[in-house]
């Protein structure tokens, strides 16, 4: 109940832009844990600029779960920006989607070094 308050969600959204990668990753985990689907646009926006491979993986996991398969194509496309550093994100995605992720994982193999 507390996590669904507008002020709490606004604070979580601000934390997605925090200077420290570990704070951004923790914010993504909390958003996922409380099921704050209303922050999905903020999560997907954060994916477009994230540079930390571990935080990118946390964001990927949150978007994959909260956004469902409808966002899979855009998630996979976002991996290209990080190149090989997207591997943890691909693993997080595979853990969420299971065997359905196999086709998407081909995208990781084709990333330039």
Protein backbone atom coordinates (compact mmCIF):
# COMPACT_ATOMS: atom_id res chain seq x y z
CA UNK A 1 0.00 0.00 0.00
CA UNK A 2 2.76 2.45 0.98
CA UNK A 3 4.67 1.74 -2.26
CA UNK A 4 1.67 2.70 -4.36
CA UNK A 5 1.49 6.23 -2.96
CA UNK A 6 2.25 8.87 -5.56
CA UNK A 7 5.07 10.43 -3.53
CA UNK A 8 6.78 7.05 -3.08
CA UNK A 9 6.51 6.26 -6.77
CA UNK A 10 7.88 9.71 -7.63
CA UNK A 11 10.84 9.03 -5.33
CA UNK A 12 11.48 5.64 -6.96
CA UNK A 13 11.31 7.27 -10.39
CA UNK A 14 13.92 9.84 -9.30
CA UNK A 15 16.17 7.07 -8.03
CA UNK A 16 16.24 5.55 -11.54
CA UNK A 17 18.29 8.61 -12.53
CA UNK A 18 20.58 8.58 -9.47
CA UNK A 19 24.30 9.10 -10.19
CA UNK A 20 25.23 5.77 -8.55
CA UNK A 21 24.55 2.61 -10.56
CA UNK A 22 23.88 0.51 -7.46
CA UNK A 23 21.12 2.91 -6.40
CA UNK A 24 19.55 2.78 -9.89
CA UNK A 25 19.69 -1.04 -9.80
CA UNK A 26 18.12 -1.13 -6.33
CA UNK A 27 15.35 1.20 -7.51
CA UNK A 28 14.57 -1.17 -10.39
CA UNK A 29 14.47 -4.12 -7.96
CA UNK A 30 12.13 -2.29 -5.58
CA UNK A 31 9.84 -1.20 -8.42
CA UNK A 32 9.61 -4.81 -9.51
CA UNK A 33 9.16 -6.16 -5.97
CA UNK A 34 6.23 -3.85 -5.23
CA UNK A 35 4.73 -4.37 -8.68
CA UNK A 36 4.72 -0.67 -9.53
CA UNK A 37 3.66 -1.18 -13.14
CA UNK A 38 2.84 2.51 -13.40
CA UNK A 39 6.59 3.13 -13.47
CA UNK A 40 7.09 0.93 -16.53
CA UNK A 41 7.55 3.96 -18.85
CA UNK A 42 10.30 5.23 -16.50
CA UNK A 43 11.98 1.82 -16.52
CA UNK A 44 11.94 1.61 -20.31
CA UNK A 45 13.24 5.16 -20.55
CA UNK A 46 16.07 4.33 -18.13
CA UNK A 47 17.08 1.41 -20.38
CA UNK A 48 17.80 3.88 -23.19
CA UNK A 49 20.56 5.62 -21.25
CA UNK A 50 21.86 3.07 -18.74
CA UNK A 51 25.59 2.36 -19.03
CA UNK A 52 26.14 -0.03 -16.12
CA UNK A 53 25.81 -3.62 -17.33
CA UNK A 54 24.49 -4.85 -13.97
CA UNK A 55 21.94 -2.06 -13.66
CA UNK A 56 20.94 -2.63 -17.28
CA UNK A 57 20.27 -6.28 -16.37
CA UNK A 58 18.08 -5.25 -13.41
CA UNK A 59 16.14 -2.87 -15.63
CA UNK A 60 15.73 -5.59 -18.26
CA UNK A 61 14.37 -8.02 -15.70
CA UNK A 62 11.91 -5.46 -14.33
CA UNK A 63 10.68 -4.48 -17.79
CA UNK A 64 10.40 -8.11 -18.92
CA UNK A 65 8.25 -8.99 -15.91
CA UNK A 66 6.16 -5.84 -15.56
CA UNK A 67 5.81 -5.22 -19.29
CA UNK A 68 5.35 -8.81 -20.40
CA UNK A 69 6.20 -10.30 -23.79
CA UNK A 70 4.77 -7.30 -25.63
CA UNK A 71 8.00 -5.42 -24.84
CA UNK A 72 10.41 -8.23 -25.71
CA UNK A 73 11.30 -6.89 -29.14
CA UNK A 74 12.27 -3.47 -27.79
CA UNK A 75 14.23 -5.10 -24.93
CA UNK A 76 16.24 -7.21 -27.33
CA UNK A 77 16.84 -4.20 -29.59
CA UNK A 78 18.19 -2.24 -26.60
CA UNK A 79 20.99 -4.78 -26.13
CA UNK A 80 22.80 -3.52 -29.24
CA UNK A 81 23.70 -0.26 -27.52
CA UNK A 82 25.75 -2.08 -24.85
CA UNK A 83 27.31 -4.66 -27.15
CA UNK A 84 28.89 -7.55 -25.22
CA UNK A 85 28.10 -5.80 -21.94
CA UNK A 86 24.46 -6.69 -22.59
CA UNK A 87 25.16 -10.35 -21.75
CA UNK A 88 23.91 -10.07 -18.13
CA UNK A 89 20.72 -8.49 -19.45
CA UNK A 90 20.27 -11.36 -21.88
CA UNK A 91 20.71 -13.84 -19.03
CA UNK A 92 18.15 -11.96 -16.90
CA UNK A 93 15.77 -11.99 -19.86
CA UNK A 94 16.27 -15.73 -20.36
CA UNK A 95 15.54 -16.39 -16.70
CA UNK A 96 12.25 -14.53 -17.03
CA UNK A 97 11.14 -15.99 -20.37
CA UNK A 98 12.62 -19.47 -20.13
CA UNK A 99 12.73 -21.46 -23.39
CA UNK A 100 10.78 -18.70 -25.15
CA UNK A 101 13.94 -16.57 -24.94
CA UNK A 102 16.08 -18.84 -27.10
CA UNK A 103 15.35 -16.98 -30.33
CA UNK A 104 16.11 -13.63 -28.73
CA UNK A 105 19.43 -14.88 -27.41
CA UNK A 106 20.69 -15.14 -30.98
CA UNK A 107 20.77 -11.35 -30.86
CA UNK A 108 23.52 -11.51 -28.24
CA UNK A 109 25.72 -13.69 -30.41
CA UNK A 110 25.44 -11.23 -33.25
CA UNK A 111 26.50 -8.19 -31.18
CA UNK A 112 29.77 -6.61 -32.28
CA UNK A 113 32.67 -7.00 -29.82
